[in-house]
Amino acid sequence: MKIAIIWASKDRSKYWNIILRDLHKKWHEVFPVNPKEEEIEWIKCYISLNELPSTIEVLNFVTPPKATLTILKEANSLWLKNVRCQPWASDDEVKKYLEDNNFEYIVDSCIMIGPNL
């Protein structure tokens, strides 16, 4: 599966990086998105959703809810509609936006432990 990790980090102690490494180890193709990095874990990093390959299957959010909502609006305009939100990446406003804009989504669930991709 081709998964974009929104706000991936070079810091190996951060969940952003742990998730990226875990999914890569499980043979998923991961695409880190972070405008401040050129690469993370030797994987090319993308500045924004606009730069992602059109074959992305899932956007995984590891962002604060306000950032999640802002990026979701960009995702919606790009028809990137399959979303996973880590437990800390959503709130009621994010959930309402996902529902109102016909996203396929799972929230409040760690992509590393389930439900399965």
PDB file of N, CA and C in Angstrom:
ATOM      1  N   MET A   1       0.847  -1.178   0.000  1.00  0.00           N
ATOM      2  CA  MET A   1       0.000   0.000   0.000  1.00  0.00           C
ATOM      3  C   MET A   1       0.890   1.238   0.000  1.00  0.00           C
ATOM      4  N   LYS A   2       0.453   2.281  -0.682  1.00  0.00           N
ATOM      5  CA  LYS A   2       1.196   3.543  -0.770  1.00  0.00           C
ATOM      6  C   LYS A   2       0.587   4.547   0.208  1.00  0.00           C
ATOM      7  N   ILE A   3       1.383   4.893   1.238  1.00  0.00           N
ATOM      8  CA  ILE A   3       0.881   5.683   2.355  1.00  0.00           C
ATOM      9  C   ILE A   3       1.714   6.947   2.528  1.00  0.00           C
ATOM     10  N   ALA A   4       1.057   8.094   2.534  1.00  0.00           N
ATOM     11  CA  ALA A   4       1.729   9.355   2.833  1.00  0.00           C
ATOM     12  C   ALA A   4       1.662   9.586   4.346  1.00  0.00           C
ATOM     13  N   ILE A   5       2.811   9.884   4.934  1.00  0.00           N
ATOM     14  CA  ILE A   5       2.885  10.178   6.370  1.00  0.00           C
ATOM     15  C   ILE A   5       2.998  11.699   6.508  1.00  0.00           C
ATOM     16  N   ILE A   6       1.913  12.325   6.943  1.00  0.00           N
ATOM     17  CA  ILE A   6       1.868  13.780   7.023  1.00  0.00           C
ATOM     18  C   ILE A   6       2.614  14.250   8.269  1.00  0.00           C
ATOM     19  N   TRP A   7       3.580  15.104   8.048  1.00  0.00           N
ATOM     20  CA  TRP A   7       4.481  15.673   9.042  1.00  0.00           C
ATOM     21  C   TRP A   7       5.472  14.647   9.579  1.00  0.00           C
ATOM     22  N   ALA A   8       5.940  13.773   8.742  1.00  0.00           N
ATOM     23  CA  ALA A   8       6.971  12.817   9.150  1.00  0.00           C
ATOM     24  C   ALA A   8       8.175  13.589   9.700  1.00  0.00           C
ATOM     25  N   SER A   9       8.957  12.935  10.545  1.00  0.00           N
ATOM     26  CA  SER A   9      10.077  13.597  11.214  1.00  0.00           C
ATOM     27  C   SER A   9      11.353  12.772  11.126  1.00  0.00           C
ATOM     28  N   LYS A  10      12.494  13.462  11.114  1.00  0.00           N
ATOM     29  CA  LYS A  10      13.788  12.783  11.163  1.00  0.00           C
ATOM     30  C   LYS A  10      14.106  12.272  12.567  1.00  0.00           C
ATOM     31  N   ASP A  11      13.469  12.842  13.562  1.00  0.00           N
ATOM     32  CA  ASP A  11      13.731  12.476  14.953  1.00  0.00           C
ATOM     33  C   ASP A  11      13.194  11.066  15.217  1.00  0.00           C
ATOM     34  N   ARG A  12      14.096  10.121  15.420  1.00  0.00           N
ATOM     35  CA  ARG A  12      13.709   8.718  15.577  1.00  0.00           C
ATOM     36  C   ARG A  12      12.925   8.449  16.865  1.00  0.00           C
ATOM     37  N   SER A  13      12.892   9.384  17.790  1.00  0.00           N
ATOM     38  CA  SER A  13      12.123   9.192  19.020  1.00  0.00           C
ATOM     39  C   SER A  13      10.668   9.646  18.864  1.00  0.00           C
ATOM     40  N   LYS A  14      10.353  10.324  17.768  1.00  0.00           N
ATOM     41  CA  LYS A  14       9.002  10.837  17.546  1.00  0.00           C
ATOM     42  C   LYS A  14       8.138   9.790  16.851  1.00  0.00           C
ATOM     43  N   TYR A  15       6.852   9.764  17.194  1.00  0.00           N
ATOM     44  CA  TYR A  15       5.926   8.813  16.574  1.00  0.00           C
ATOM     45  C   TYR A  15       5.901   8.956  15.058  1.00  0.00           C
ATOM     46  N   TRP A  16       6.053  10.175  14.573  1.00  0.00           N
ATOM     47  CA  TRP A  16       6.053  10.421  13.129  1.00  0.00           C
ATOM     48  C   TRP A  16       7.083   9.521  12.440  1.00  0.00           C
ATOM     49  N   ASN A  17       8.251   9.414  13.056  1.00  0.00           N
ATOM     50  CA  ASN A  17       9.329   8.610  12.486  1.00  0.00           C
ATOM     51  C   ASN A  17       9.112   7.126  12.772  1.00  0.00           C
ATOM     52  N   ILE A  18       8.664   6.808  13.942  1.00  0.00           N
ATOM     53  CA  ILE A  18       8.416   5.415  14.318  1.00  0.00           C
ATOM     54  C   ILE A  18       7.371   4.795  13.390  1.00  0.00           C
ATOM     55  N   ILE A  19       6.308   5.531  13.100  1.00  0.00           N
ATOM     56  CA  ILE A  19       5.258   5.048  12.206  1.00  0.00           C
ATOM     57  C   ILE A  19       5.826   4.826  10.810  1.00  0.00           C
ATOM     58  N   LEU A  20       6.592   5.780  10.314  1.00  0.00           N
ATOM     59  CA  LEU A  20       7.189   5.650   8.987  1.00  0.00           C
ATOM     60  C   LEU A  20       8.047   4.397   8.893  1.00  0.00           C
ATOM     61  N   ARG A  21       8.912   4.189   9.882  1.00  0.00           N
ATOM     62  CA  ARG A  21       9.791   3.009   9.863  1.00  0.00           C
ATOM     63  C   ARG A  21       8.997   1.715   9.983  1.00  0.00           C
ATOM     64  N   ASP A  22       7.975   1.712  10.822  1.00  0.00           N
ATOM     65  CA  ASP A  22       7.154   0.510  11.005  1.00  0.00           C
ATOM     66  C   ASP A  22       6.443   0.127   9.707  1.00  0.00           C
ATOM     67  N   LEU A  23       5.829   1.084   9.057  1.00  0.00           N
ATOM     68  CA  LEU A  23       5.108   0.793   7.814  1.00  0.00           C
ATOM     69  C   LEU A  23       6.070   0.372   6.706  1.00  0.00           C
ATOM     70  N   HIS A  24       7.224   0.997   6.657  1.00  0.00           N
ATOM     71  CA  HIS A  24       8.231   0.627   5.654  1.00  0.00           C
ATOM     72  C   HIS A  24       8.697  -0.810   5.894  1.00  0.00           C
ATOM     73  N   LYS A  25       8.917  -1.147   7.153  1.00  0.00           N
ATOM     74  CA  LYS A  25       9.350  -2.503   7.509  1.00  0.00           C
ATOM     75  C   LYS A  25       8.281  -3.544   7.149  1.00  0.00           C
ATOM     76  N   LYS A  26       7.028  -3.135   7.154  1.00  0.00           N
ATOM     77  CA  LYS A  26       5.921  -4.035   6.810  1.00  0.00           C
ATOM     78  C   LYS A  26       5.653  -4.042   5.302  1.00  0.00           C
ATOM     79  N   TRP A  27       6.580  -3.516   4.527  1.00  0.00           N
ATOM     80  CA  TRP A  27       6.545  -3.536   3.067  1.00  0.00           C
ATOM     81  C   TRP A  27       5.542  -2.593   2.438  1.00  0.00           C
ATOM     82  N   HIS A  28       5.115  -1.586   3.177  1.00  0.00           N
ATOM     83  CA  HIS A  28       4.296  -0.540   2.567  1.00  0.00           C
ATOM     84  C   HIS A  28       5.243   0.469   1.936  1.00  0.00           C
ATOM     85  N   GLU A  29       4.795   1.108   0.880  1.00  0.00           N
ATOM     86  CA  GLU A  29       5.581   2.176   0.267  1.00  0.00           C
ATOM     87  C   GLU A  29       5.161   3.470   0.965  1.00  0.00           C
ATOM     88  N   VAL A  30       6.107   4.114   1.642  1.00  0.00           N
ATOM     89  CA  VAL A  30       5.789   5.299   2.431  1.00  0.00           C
ATOM     90  C   VAL A  30       6.333   6.554   1.759  1.00  0.00           C
ATOM     91  N   PHE A  31       5.585   7.631   1.924  1.00  0.00           N
ATOM     92  CA  PHE A  31       5.912   8.913   1.327  1.00  0.00           C
ATOM     93  C   PHE A  31       5.845   9.971   2.424  1.00  0.00           C
ATOM     94  N   PRO A  32       6.968  10.308   3.039  1.00  0.00           N
ATOM     95  CA  PRO A  32       6.946  11.334   4.081  1.00  0.00           C
ATOM     96  C   PRO A  32       6.624  12.709   3.492  1.00  0.00           C
ATOM     97  N   VAL A  33       5.804  13.470   4.210  1.00  0.00           N
ATOM     98  CA  VAL A  33       5.463  14.834   3.812  1.00  0.00           C
ATOM     99  C   VAL A  33       5.885  15.767   4.943  1.00  0.00           C
ATOM    100  N   ASN A  34       6.842  16.634   4.630  1.00  0.00           N
ATOM    101  CA  ASN A  34       7.325  17.615   5.594  1.00  0.00           C
ATOM    102  C   ASN A  34       8.080  18.684   4.815  1.00  0.00           C
ATOM    103  N   PRO A  35       7.589  19.922   4.811  1.00  0.00           N
ATOM    104  CA  PRO A  35       8.235  20.972   4.020  1.00  0.00           C
ATOM    105  C   PRO A  35       9.633  21.356   4.501  1.00  0.00           C
ATOM    106  N   LYS A  36      10.020  20.892   5.678  1.00  0.00           N
ATOM    107  CA  LYS A  36      11.322  21.274   6.229  1.00  0.00           C
ATOM    108  C   LYS A  36      12.413  20.234   5.976  1.00  0.00           C
ATOM    109  N   GLU A  37      12.065  19.112   5.377  1.00  0.00           N
ATOM    110  CA  GLU A  37      13.033  18.034   5.186  1.00  0.00           C
ATOM    111  C   GLU A  37      13.146  17.648   3.713  1.00  0.00           C
ATOM    112  N   GLU A  38      14.340  17.224   3.310  1.00  0.00           N
ATOM    113  CA  GLU A  38      14.545  16.711   1.952  1.00  0.00           C
ATOM    114  C   GLU A  38      14.377  15.195   1.904  1.00  0.00           C
ATOM    115  N   GLU A  39      14.773  14.532   2.991  1.00  0.00           N
ATOM    116  CA  GLU A  39      14.591  13.083   3.087  1.00  0.00           C
ATOM    117  C   GLU A  39      14.492  12.691   4.547  1.00  0.00           C
ATOM    118  N   ILE A  40      13.824  11.581   4.770  1.00  0.00           N
ATOM    119  CA  ILE A  40      13.683  11.025   6.116  1.00  0.00           C
ATOM    120  C   ILE A  40      13.909   9.531   5.991  1.00  0.00           C
ATOM    121  N   GLU A  41      14.824   9.016   6.776  1.00  0.00           N
ATOM    122  CA  GLU A  41      15.173   7.590   6.734  1.00  0.00           C
ATOM    123  C   GLU A  41      15.554   7.172   5.303  1.00  0.00           C
ATOM    124  N   TRP A  42      16.276   8.016   4.624  1.00  0.00           N
ATOM    125  CA  TRP A  42      16.752   7.774   3.256  1.00  0.00           C
ATOM    126  C   TRP A  42      15.623   7.696   2.230  1.00  0.00           C
ATOM    127  N   ILE A  43      14.456   8.213   2.605  1.00  0.00           N
ATOM    128  CA  ILE A  43      13.303   8.237   1.699  1.00  0.00           C
ATOM    129  C   ILE A  43      13.033   9.695   1.332  1.00  0.00           C
ATOM    130  N   LYS A  44      12.841   9.958   0.048  1.00  0.00           N
ATOM    131  CA  LYS A  44      12.540  11.317  -0.412  1.00  0.00           C
ATOM    132  C   LYS A  44      11.346  11.869   0.344  1.00  0.00           C
ATOM    133  N   CYS A  45      11.486  13.111   0.787  1.00  0.00           N
ATOM    134  CA  CYS A  45      10.412  13.779   1.510  1.00  0.00           C
ATOM    135  C   CYS A  45       9.727  14.774   0.572  1.00  0.00           C
ATOM    136  N   TYR A  46       8.423  14.870   0.674  1.00  0.00           N
ATOM    137  CA  TYR A  46       7.633  15.755  -0.164  1.00  0.00           C
ATOM    138  C   TYR A  46       7.256  17.004   0.621  1.00  0.00           C
ATOM    139  N   ILE A  47       7.264  18.139  -0.068  1.00  0.00           N
ATOM    140  CA  ILE A  47       6.980  19.418   0.577  1.00  0.00           C
ATOM    141  C   ILE A  47       5.499  19.568   0.896  1.00  0.00           C
ATOM    142  N   SER A  48       4.642  19.084   0.002  1.00  0.00           N
ATOM    143  CA  SER A  48       3.201  19.246   0.193  1.00  0.00           C
ATOM    144  C   SER A  48       2.451  18.100  -0.474  1.00  0.00           C
ATOM    145  N   LEU A  49       1.159  18.055  -0.255  1.00  0.00           N
ATOM    146  CA  LEU A  49       0.331  17.036  -0.886  1.00  0.00           C
ATOM    147  C   LEU A  49       0.358  17.147  -2.403  1.00  0.00           C
ATOM    148  N   ASN A  50       0.485  18.359  -2.908  1.00  0.00           N
ATOM    149  CA  ASN A  50       0.528  18.578  -4.362  1.00  0.00           C
ATOM    150  C   ASN A  50       1.654  17.814  -5.043  1.00  0.00           C
ATOM    151  N   GLU A  51       2.736  17.571  -4.328  1.00  0.00           N
ATOM    152  CA  GLU A  51       3.902  16.905  -4.908  1.00  0.00           C
ATOM    153  C   GLU A  51       3.807  15.385  -4.873  1.00  0.00           C
ATOM    154  N   LEU A  52       2.890  14.843  -4.112  1.00  0.00           N
ATOM    155  CA  LEU A  52       2.786  13.390  -3.964  1.00  0.00           C
ATOM    156  C   LEU A  52       2.410  12.724  -5.283  1.00  0.00           C
ATOM    157  N   PRO A  53       2.879  11.495  -5.476  1.00  0.00           N
ATOM    158  CA  PRO A  53       2.444  10.752  -6.665  1.00  0.00           C
ATOM    159  C   PRO A  53       0.923  10.556  -6.637  1.00  0.00           C
ATOM    160  N   SER A  54       0.330  10.489  -7.786  1.00  0.00           N
ATOM    161  CA  SER A  54      -1.127  10.349  -7.865  1.00  0.00           C
ATOM    162  C   SER A  54      -1.614   8.984  -7.394  1.00  0.00           C
ATOM    163  N   THR A  55      -0.690   8.084  -7.150  1.00  0.00           N
ATOM    164  CA  THR A  55      -1.057   6.725  -6.748  1.00  0.00           C
ATOM    165  C   THR A  55      -1.154   6.536  -5.236  1.00  0.00           C
ATOM    166  N   ILE A  56      -1.068   7.613  -4.465  1.00  0.00           N
ATOM    167  CA  ILE A  56      -1.176   7.510  -3.003  1.00  0.00           C
ATOM    168  C   ILE A  56      -2.536   6.912  -2.650  1.00  0.00           C
ATOM    169  N   GLU A  57      -2.510   5.930  -1.754  1.00  0.00           N
ATOM    170  CA  GLU A  57      -3.749   5.253  -1.363  1.00  0.00           C
ATOM    171  C   GLU A  57      -4.294   5.728  -0.025  1.00  0.00           C
ATOM    172  N   VAL A  58      -3.401   6.157   0.886  1.00  0.00           N
ATOM    173  CA  VAL A  58      -3.823   6.565   2.224  1.00  0.00           C
ATOM    174  C   VAL A  58      -2.997   7.769   2.674  1.00  0.00           C
ATOM    175  N   LEU A  59      -3.684   8.734   3.284  1.00  0.00           N
ATOM    176  CA  LEU A  59      -2.999   9.813   3.986  1.00  0.00           C
ATOM    177  C   LEU A  59      -3.073   9.491   5.468  1.00  0.00           C
ATOM    178  N   ASN A  60      -1.926   9.367   6.118  1.00  0.00           N
ATOM    179  CA  ASN A  60      -1.901   9.102   7.557  1.00  0.00           C
ATOM    180  C   ASN A  60      -1.472  10.381   8.277  1.00  0.00           C
ATOM    181  N   PHE A  61      -2.364  10.893   9.120  1.00  0.00           N
ATOM    182  CA  PHE A  61      -2.105  12.148   9.816  1.00  0.00           C
ATOM    183  C   PHE A  61      -1.533  11.895  11.204  1.00  0.00           C
ATOM    184  N   VAL A  62      -0.418  12.542  11.457  1.00  0.00           N
ATOM    185  CA  VAL A  62       0.222  12.519  12.774  1.00  0.00           C
ATOM    186  C   VAL A  62       0.446  13.977  13.184  1.00  0.00           C
ATOM    187  N   THR A  63      -0.602  14.768  13.031  1.00  0.00           N
ATOM    188  CA  THR A  63      -0.561  16.209  13.226  1.00  0.00           C
ATOM    189  C   THR A  63      -1.552  16.634  14.305  1.00  0.00           C
ATOM    190  N   PRO A  64      -1.347  17.815  14.880  1.00  0.00           N
ATOM    191  CA  PRO A  64      -2.377  18.340  15.783  1.00  0.00           C
ATOM    192  C   PRO A  64      -3.675  18.588  15.002  1.00  0.00           C
ATOM    193  N   PRO A  65      -4.826  18.507  15.654  1.00  0.00           N
ATOM    194  CA  PRO A  65      -6.105  18.629  14.949  1.00  0.00           C
ATOM    195  C   PRO A  65      -6.246  19.869  14.061  1.00  0.00           C
ATOM    196  N   LYS A  66      -5.774  21.024  14.502  1.00  0.00           N
ATOM    197  CA  LYS A  66      -5.900  22.229  13.668  1.00  0.00           C
ATOM    198  C   LYS A  66      -5.114  22.084  12.380  1.00  0.00           C
ATOM    199  N   ALA A  67      -3.920  21.515  12.456  1.00  0.00           N
ATOM    200  CA  ALA A  67      -3.119  21.272  11.250  1.00  0.00           C
ATOM    201  C   ALA A  67      -3.779  20.202  10.391  1.00  0.00           C
ATOM    202  N   THR A  68      -4.316  19.169  11.021  1.00  0.00           N
ATOM    203  CA  THR A  68      -5.016  18.117  10.283  1.00  0.00           C
ATOM    204  C   THR A  68      -6.135  18.724   9.452  1.00  0.00           C
ATOM    205  N   LEU A  69      -6.937  19.583  10.062  1.00  0.00           N
ATOM    206  CA  LEU A  69      -8.064  20.183   9.359  1.00  0.00           C
ATOM    207  C   LEU A  69      -7.593  21.022   8.168  1.00  0.00           C
ATOM    208  N   THR A  70      -6.569  21.807   8.342  1.00  0.00           N
ATOM    209  CA  THR A  70      -6.024  22.625   7.249  1.00  0.00           C
ATOM    210  C   THR A  70      -5.553  21.748   6.093  1.00  0.00           C
ATOM    211  N   ILE A  71      -4.830  20.698   6.408  1.00  0.00           N
ATOM    212  CA  ILE A  71      -4.290  19.811   5.371  1.00  0.00           C
ATOM    213  C   ILE A  71      -5.409  18.994   4.728  1.00  0.00           C
ATOM    214  N   LEU A  72      -6.422  18.633   5.500  1.00  0.00           N
ATOM    215  CA  LEU A  72      -7.569  17.911   4.926  1.00  0.00           C
ATOM    216  C   LEU A  72      -8.267  18.729   3.846  1.00  0.00           C
ATOM    217  N   LYS A  73      -8.324  20.033   4.034  1.00  0.00           N
ATOM    218  CA  LYS A  73      -8.952  20.889   3.025  1.00  0.00           C
ATOM    219  C   LYS A  73      -8.166  20.824   1.717  1.00  0.00           C
ATOM    220  N   GLU A  74      -6.849  20.796   1.815  1.00  0.00           N
ATOM    221  CA  GLU A  74      -6.014  20.626   0.622  1.00  0.00           C
ATOM    222  C   GLU A  74      -6.236  19.233   0.023  1.00  0.00           C
ATOM    223  N   ALA A  75      -6.276  18.213   0.872  1.00  0.00           N
ATOM    224  CA  ALA A  75      -6.499  16.840   0.395  1.00  0.00           C
ATOM    225  C   ALA A  75      -7.829  16.728  -0.338  1.00  0.00           C
ATOM    226  N   ASN A  76      -8.846  17.365   0.192  1.00  0.00           N
ATOM    227  CA  ASN A  76     -10.169  17.325  -0.427  1.00  0.00           C
ATOM    228  C   ASN A  76     -10.121  17.927  -1.833  1.00  0.00           C
ATOM    229  N   SER A  77      -9.407  19.022  -1.994  1.00  0.00           N
ATOM    230  CA  SER A  77      -9.328  19.658  -3.313  1.00  0.00           C
ATOM    231  C   SER A  77      -8.540  18.808  -4.308  1.00  0.00           C
ATOM    232  N   LEU A  78      -7.691  17.915  -3.801  1.00  0.00           N
ATOM    233  CA  LEU A  78      -6.892  17.024  -4.648  1.00  0.00           C
ATOM    234  C   LEU A  78      -7.531  15.641  -4.799  1.00  0.00           C
ATOM    235  N   TRP A  79      -8.698  15.450  -4.222  1.00  0.00           N
ATOM    236  CA  TRP A  79      -9.419  14.175  -4.255  1.00  0.00           C
ATOM    237  C   TRP A  79      -8.631  13.050  -3.582  1.00  0.00           C
ATOM    238  N   LEU A  80      -7.871  13.399  -2.559  1.00  0.00           N
ATOM    239  CA  LEU A  80      -7.196  12.391  -1.728  1.00  0.00           C
ATOM    240  C   LEU A  80      -8.145  12.122  -0.562  1.00  0.00           C
ATOM    241  N   LYS A  81      -8.932  11.080  -0.659  1.00  0.00           N
ATOM    242  CA  LYS A  81     -10.076  10.901   0.226  1.00  0.00           C
ATOM    243  C   LYS A  81      -9.963   9.751   1.226  1.00  0.00           C
ATOM    244  N   ASN A  82      -8.864   9.005   1.227  1.00  0.00           N
ATOM    245  CA  ASN A  82      -8.709   7.902   2.169  1.00  0.00           C
ATOM    246  C   ASN A  82      -7.759   8.349   3.272  1.00  0.00           C
ATOM    247  N   VAL A  83      -8.273   8.481   4.479  1.00  0.00           N
ATOM    248  CA  VAL A  83      -7.549   9.130   5.572  1.00  0.00           C
ATOM    249  C   VAL A  83      -7.516   8.251   6.804  1.00  0.00           C
ATOM    250  N   ARG A  84      -6.352   8.232   7.450  1.00  0.00           N
ATOM    251  CA  ARG A  84      -6.199   7.641   8.782  1.00  0.00           C
ATOM    252  C   ARG A  84      -5.666   8.728   9.695  1.00  0.00           C
ATOM    253  N   CYS A  85      -6.239   8.858  10.880  1.00  0.00           N
ATOM    254  CA  CYS A  85      -5.774   9.840  11.869  1.00  0.00           C
ATOM    255  C   CYS A  85      -5.336   9.120  13.136  1.00  0.00           C
ATOM    256  N   GLN A  86      -4.103   9.367  13.502  1.00  0.00           N
ATOM    257  CA  GLN A  86      -3.622   8.858  14.787  1.00  0.00           C
ATOM    258  C   GLN A  86      -4.510   9.428  15.902  1.00  0.00           C
ATOM    259  N   PRO A  87      -4.543   8.812  17.077  1.00  0.00           N
ATOM    260  CA  PRO A  87      -5.461   9.243  18.134  1.00  0.00           C
ATOM    261  C   PRO A  87      -5.388  10.739  18.481  1.00  0.00           C
ATOM    262  N   TRP A  88      -4.240  11.344  18.382  1.00  0.00           N
ATOM    263  CA  TRP A  88      -4.094  12.749  18.754  1.00  0.00           C
ATOM    264  C   TRP A  88      -4.306  13.693  17.575  1.00  0.00           C
ATOM    265  N   ALA A  89      -4.587  13.186  16.381  1.00  0.00           N
ATOM    266  CA  ALA A  89      -4.636  14.011  15.167  1.00  0.00           C
ATOM    267  C   ALA A  89      -6.038  14.478  14.789  1.00  0.00           C
ATOM    268  N   SER A  90      -7.036  14.107  15.561  1.00  0.00           N
ATOM    269  CA  SER A  90      -8.393  14.527  15.209  1.00  0.00           C
ATOM    270  C   SER A  90      -9.127  15.033  16.436  1.00  0.00           C
ATOM    271  N   ASP A  91     -10.167  15.775  16.158  1.00  0.00           N
ATOM    272  CA  ASP A  91     -11.094  16.232  17.187  1.00  0.00           C
ATOM    273  C   ASP A  91     -12.484  16.262  16.541  1.00  0.00           C
ATOM    274  N   ASP A  92     -13.473  16.795  17.236  1.00  0.00           N
ATOM    275  CA  ASP A  92     -14.828  16.802  16.691  1.00  0.00           C
ATOM    276  C   ASP A  92     -14.919  17.570  15.374  1.00  0.00           C
ATOM    277  N   GLU A  93     -14.174  18.665  15.252  1.00  0.00           N
ATOM    278  CA  GLU A  93     -14.203  19.467  14.024  1.00  0.00           C
ATOM    279  C   GLU A  93     -13.613  18.686  12.834  1.00  0.00           C
ATOM    280  N   VAL A  94     -12.524  17.974  13.081  1.00  0.00           N
ATOM    281  CA  VAL A  94     -11.909  17.141  12.035  1.00  0.00           C
ATOM    282  C   VAL A  94     -12.888  16.042  11.627  1.00  0.00           C
ATOM    283  N   LYS A  95     -13.482  15.376  12.591  1.00  0.00           N
ATOM    284  CA  LYS A  95     -14.420  14.288  12.289  1.00  0.00           C
ATOM    285  C   LYS A  95     -15.618  14.792  11.489  1.00  0.00           C
ATOM    286  N   LYS A  96     -16.116  15.952  11.846  1.00  0.00           N
ATOM    287  CA  LYS A  96     -17.247  16.531  11.111  1.00  0.00           C
ATOM    288  C   LYS A  96     -16.830  16.851   9.671  1.00  0.00           C
ATOM    289  N   TYR A  97     -15.655  17.407   9.486  1.00  0.00           N
ATOM    290  CA  TYR A  97     -15.176  17.728   8.134  1.00  0.00           C
ATOM    291  C   TYR A  97     -15.040  16.456   7.293  1.00  0.00           C
ATOM    292  N   LEU A  98     -14.475  15.421   7.881  1.00  0.00           N
ATOM    293  CA  LEU A  98     -14.337  14.153   7.157  1.00  0.00           C
ATOM    294  C   LEU A  98     -15.698  13.624   6.724  1.00  0.00           C
ATOM    295  N   GLU A  99     -16.639  13.648   7.630  1.00  0.00           N
ATOM    296  CA  GLU A  99     -17.982  13.146   7.340  1.00  0.00           C
ATOM    297  C   GLU A  99     -18.695  14.017   6.298  1.00  0.00           C
ATOM    298  N   ASP A 100     -18.644  15.315   6.484  1.00  0.00           N
ATOM    299  CA  ASP A 100     -19.348  16.246   5.583  1.00  0.00           C
ATOM    300  C   ASP A 100     -18.785  16.235   4.164  1.00  0.00           C
ATOM    301  N   ASN A 101     -17.528  15.816   4.004  1.00  0.00           N
ATOM    302  CA  ASN A 101     -16.876  15.867   2.694  1.00  0.00           C
ATOM    303  C   ASN A 101     -16.615  14.488   2.106  1.00  0.00           C
ATOM    304  N   ASN A 102     -17.328  13.507   2.603  1.00  0.00           N
ATOM    305  CA  ASN A 102     -17.322  12.156   2.031  1.00  0.00           C
ATOM    306  C   ASN A 102     -15.944  11.502   1.939  1.00  0.00           C
ATOM    307  N   PHE A 103     -15.146  11.664   2.977  1.00  0.00           N
ATOM    308  CA  PHE A 103     -13.877  10.957   3.054  1.00  0.00           C
ATOM    309  C   PHE A 103     -14.133   9.521   3.505  1.00  0.00           C
ATOM    310  N   GLU A 104     -13.282   8.615   3.109  1.00  0.00           N
ATOM    311  CA  GLU A 104     -13.198   7.302   3.742  1.00  0.00           C
ATOM    312  C   GLU A 104     -12.168   7.487   4.842  1.00  0.00           C
ATOM    313  N   TYR A 105     -12.517   7.159   6.069  1.00  0.00           N
ATOM    314  CA  TYR A 105     -11.584   7.502   7.150  1.00  0.00           C
ATOM    315  C   TYR A 105     -11.697   6.553   8.333  1.00  0.00           C
ATOM    316  N   ILE A 106     -10.594   6.516   9.051  1.00  0.00           N
ATOM    317  CA  ILE A 106     -10.521   5.875  10.358  1.00  0.00           C
ATOM    318  C   ILE A 106      -9.806   6.874  11.248  1.00  0.00           C
ATOM    319  N   VAL A 107     -10.398   7.202  12.375  1.00  0.00           N
ATOM    320  CA  VAL A 107      -9.792   8.145  13.308  1.00  0.00           C
ATOM    321  C   VAL A 107      -9.570   7.468  14.653  1.00  0.00           C
ATOM    322  N   ASP A 108      -8.700   8.085  15.433  1.00  0.00           N
ATOM    323  CA  ASP A 108      -8.411   7.610  16.790  1.00  0.00           C
ATOM    324  C   ASP A 108      -7.918   6.176  16.816  1.00  0.00           C
ATOM    325  N   SER A 109      -7.134   5.815  15.816  1.00  0.00           N
ATOM    326  CA  SER A 109      -6.594   4.469  15.724  1.00  0.00           C
ATOM    327  C   SER A 109      -5.178   4.541  15.160  1.00  0.00           C
ATOM    328  N   CYS A 110      -4.272   3.867  15.817  1.00  0.00           N
ATOM    329  CA  CYS A 110      -2.888   3.859  15.341  1.00  0.00           C
ATOM    330  C   CYS A 110      -2.772   2.947  14.122  1.00  0.00           C
ATOM    331  N   ILE A 111      -2.234   3.477  13.068  1.00  0.00           N
ATOM    332  CA  ILE A 111      -2.093   2.730  11.817  1.00  0.00           C
ATOM    333  C   ILE A 111      -1.165   1.522  11.976  1.00  0.00           C
ATOM    334  N   MET A 112      -0.326   1.523  12.997  1.00  0.00           N
ATOM    335  CA  MET A 112       0.611   0.414  13.210  1.00  0.00           C
ATOM    336  C   MET A 112      -0.064  -0.803  13.832  1.00  0.00           C
ATOM    337  N   ILE A 113      -1.173  -0.583  14.555  1.00  0.00           N
ATOM    338  CA  ILE A 113      -1.762  -1.709  15.289  1.00  0.00           C
ATOM    339  C   ILE A 113      -3.186  -2.050  14.886  1.00  0.00           C
ATOM    340  N   GLY A 114      -3.807  -1.271  14.050  1.00  0.00           N
ATOM    341  CA  GLY A 114      -5.126  -1.657  13.565  1.00  0.00           C
ATOM    342  C   GLY A 114      -6.080  -0.506  13.497  1.00  0.00           C
ATOM    343  N   PRO A 115      -7.212  -0.726  12.870  1.00  0.00           N
ATOM    344  CA  PRO A 115      -7.508  -1.902  12.088  1.00  0.00           C
ATOM    345  C   PRO A 115      -6.535  -2.038  10.920  1.00  0.00           C
ATOM    346  N   ASN A 116      -6.427  -3.250  10.436  1.00  0.00           N
ATOM    347  CA  ASN A 116      -5.447  -3.535   9.390  1.00  0.00           C
ATOM    348  C   ASN A 116      -5.730  -2.751   8.128  1.00  0.00           C
ATOM    349  N   LEU A 117      -4.660  -2.466   7.412  1.00  0.00           N
ATOM    350  CA  LEU A 117      -4.792  -1.774   6.113  1.00  0.00           C
ATOM    351  C   LEU A 117      -5.310  -2.711   5.075  1.00  0.00           C
TER     352      LEU A 117
END
